[in-house]
Amino acid sequence: MSRIPTETLSARIGVLARLPVFFALENKRVLVAGGTQAAAWKAELLSATGAGVEVFAASFGEEMLALAESPPRGPIALHERT
């Protein structure tokens, strides 16, 4: 009998090919394009650094809307644009 191990992946992040570069973003303004769940994950990560996050999208998913209401650290502003 052969057993193949399975990986349990987080619902929030997939496998990374490279480790991201780290920047000191506290009190900096950053931009995120898109209102999807993936964009919300990025906005949450950026807000946690203390950055002010500006999100531009044609529409916003529920996760992004909830995140903007209660950001982890830096403010998240949503701008509805195509």
C-alpha atoms as a PDB file:
ATOM      1  CA  MET A   1       0.000   0.000   0.000  1.00  0.00           C
ATOM      2  CA  SER A   2       1.310   3.445  -0.929  1.00  0.00           C
ATOM      3  CA  ARG A   3       0.446   6.638   0.896  1.00  0.00           C
ATOM      4  CA  ILE A   4       0.919  10.043  -0.640  1.00  0.00           C
ATOM      5  CA  PRO A   5       1.219  12.913   1.839  1.00  0.00           C
ATOM      6  CA  THR A   6      -1.096  15.841   1.275  1.00  0.00           C
ATOM      7  CA  GLU A   7      -0.412  19.445   2.015  1.00  0.00           C
ATOM      8  CA  THR A   8      -2.873  21.598   3.855  1.00  0.00           C
ATOM      9  CA  LEU A   9      -2.791  25.035   2.261  1.00  0.00           C
ATOM     10  CA  SER A  10      -4.152  28.113   3.942  1.00  0.00           C
ATOM     11  CA  ALA A  11      -7.230  29.582   2.313  1.00  0.00           C
ATOM     12  CA  ARG A  12      -5.510  32.969   2.387  1.00  0.00           C
ATOM     13  CA  ILE A  13      -2.159  32.316   0.702  1.00  0.00           C
ATOM     14  CA  GLY A  14      -0.757  29.874  -1.794  1.00  0.00           C
ATOM     15  CA  VAL A  15       2.728  28.599  -2.441  1.00  0.00           C
ATOM     16  CA  LEU A  16       5.307  31.355  -2.948  1.00  0.00           C
ATOM     17  CA  ALA A  17       8.044  31.081  -5.560  1.00  0.00           C
ATOM     18  CA  ARG A  18      10.029  33.824  -3.845  1.00  0.00           C
ATOM     19  CA  LEU A  19       9.937  35.610  -0.536  1.00  0.00           C
ATOM     20  CA  PRO A  20       8.590  39.157  -0.877  1.00  0.00           C
ATOM     21  CA  VAL A  21      10.832  42.131  -0.180  1.00  0.00           C
ATOM     22  CA  PHE A  22      10.088  43.915   3.076  1.00  0.00           C
ATOM     23  CA  PHE A  23       9.666  47.680   3.216  1.00  0.00           C
ATOM     24  CA  ALA A  24       9.091  50.032   6.146  1.00  0.00           C
ATOM     25  CA  LEU A  25       5.655  51.370   5.159  1.00  0.00           C
ATOM     26  CA  GLU A  26       4.451  53.000   8.366  1.00  0.00           C
ATOM     27  CA  ASN A  27       2.822  56.360   7.540  1.00  0.00           C
ATOM     28  CA  LYS A  28       3.366  55.772   3.798  1.00  0.00           C
ATOM     29  CA  ARG A  29       0.600  55.795   1.185  1.00  0.00           C
ATOM     30  CA  VAL A  30       0.219  52.601  -0.852  1.00  0.00           C
ATOM     31  CA  LEU A  31      -2.136  51.615  -3.658  1.00  0.00           C
ATOM     32  CA  VAL A  32      -3.982  48.356  -4.308  1.00  0.00           C
ATOM     33  CA  ALA A  33      -5.854  47.744  -7.575  1.00  0.00           C
ATOM     34  CA  GLY A  34      -8.881  45.444  -7.338  1.00  0.00           C
ATOM     35  CA  GLY A  35     -11.651  44.611  -4.936  1.00  0.00           C
ATOM     36  CA  THR A  36     -11.331  40.817  -4.901  1.00  0.00           C
ATOM     37  CA  GLN A  37     -10.504  38.497  -2.023  1.00  0.00           C
ATOM     38  CA  ALA A  38      -6.859  38.424  -3.181  1.00  0.00           C
ATOM     39  CA  ALA A  39      -6.732  42.234  -3.196  1.00  0.00           C
ATOM     40  CA  ALA A  40      -8.276  42.283   0.294  1.00  0.00           C
ATOM     41  CA  TRP A  41      -5.496  39.988   1.525  1.00  0.00           C
ATOM     42  CA  LYS A  42      -2.898  42.402   0.119  1.00  0.00           C
ATOM     43  CA  ALA A  43      -4.669  45.436   1.585  1.00  0.00           C
ATOM     44  CA  GLU A  44      -4.822  43.728   4.984  1.00  0.00           C
ATOM     45  CA  LEU A  45      -1.108  42.939   4.850  1.00  0.00           C
ATOM     46  CA  LEU A  46      -0.245  46.537   3.908  1.00  0.00           C
ATOM     47  CA  SER A  47      -2.538  48.013   6.567  1.00  0.00           C
ATOM     48  CA  ALA A  48      -0.890  45.815   9.199  1.00  0.00           C
ATOM     49  CA  THR A  49       2.404  47.629   8.483  1.00  0.00           C
ATOM     50  CA  GLY A  50       0.814  50.974   9.372  1.00  0.00           C
ATOM     51  CA  ALA A  51       0.526  52.166   5.773  1.00  0.00           C
ATOM     52  CA  GLY A  52      -2.456  54.159   4.557  1.00  0.00           C
ATOM     53  CA  VAL A  53      -3.994  51.928   1.886  1.00  0.00           C
ATOM     54  CA  GLU A  54      -5.871  53.352  -1.115  1.00  0.00           C
ATOM     55  CA  VAL A  55      -7.870  50.676  -2.957  1.00  0.00           C
ATOM     56  CA  PHE A  56      -9.191  51.341  -6.472  1.00  0.00           C
ATOM     57  CA  ALA A  57     -11.699  48.948  -8.088  1.00  0.00           C
ATOM     58  CA  ALA A  58     -14.887  48.875 -10.161  1.00  0.00           C
ATOM     59  CA  SER A  59     -16.571  46.994  -7.290  1.00  0.00           C
ATOM     60  CA  PHE A  60     -15.631  45.611  -3.902  1.00  0.00           C
ATOM     61  CA  GLY A  61     -16.234  42.170  -2.439  1.00  0.00           C
ATOM     62  CA  GLU A  62     -17.659  41.643   1.034  1.00  0.00           C
ATOM     63  CA  GLU A  63     -14.231  40.875   2.481  1.00  0.00           C
ATOM     64  CA  MET A  64     -12.783  44.184   1.230  1.00  0.00           C
ATOM     65  CA  LEU A  65     -15.762  46.142   2.542  1.00  0.00           C
ATOM     66  CA  ALA A  66     -15.461  44.528   5.986  1.00  0.00           C
ATOM     67  CA  LEU A  67     -11.710  45.104   6.030  1.00  0.00           C
ATOM     68  CA  ALA A  68     -12.122  48.813   5.257  1.00  0.00           C
ATOM     69  CA  GLU A  69     -14.554  49.088   8.178  1.00  0.00           C
ATOM     70  CA  SER A  70     -12.068  47.520  10.582  1.00  0.00           C
ATOM     71  CA  PRO A  71      -8.482  47.673   9.290  1.00  0.00           C
ATOM     72  CA  PRO A  72      -5.735  46.033  11.354  1.00  0.00           C
ATOM     73  CA  ARG A  73      -3.627  49.199  11.719  1.00  0.00           C
ATOM     74  CA  GLY A  74      -3.376  51.732   8.882  1.00  0.00           C
ATOM     75  CA  PRO A  75      -6.556  53.155   7.344  1.00  0.00           C
ATOM     76  CA  ILE A  76      -8.029  51.600   4.186  1.00  0.00           C
ATOM     77  CA  ALA A  77      -9.851  53.947   1.782  1.00  0.00           C
ATOM     78  CA  LEU A  78     -11.979  52.495  -1.018  1.00  0.00           C
ATOM     79  CA  HIS A  79     -12.316  54.322  -4.342  1.00  0.00           C
ATOM     80  CA  GLU A  80     -14.881  52.964  -6.799  1.00  0.00           C
ATOM     81  CA  ARG A  81     -13.446  53.443 -10.289  1.00  0.00           C
ATOM     82  CA  THR A  82     -13.084  51.371 -13.431  1.00  0.00           C
END
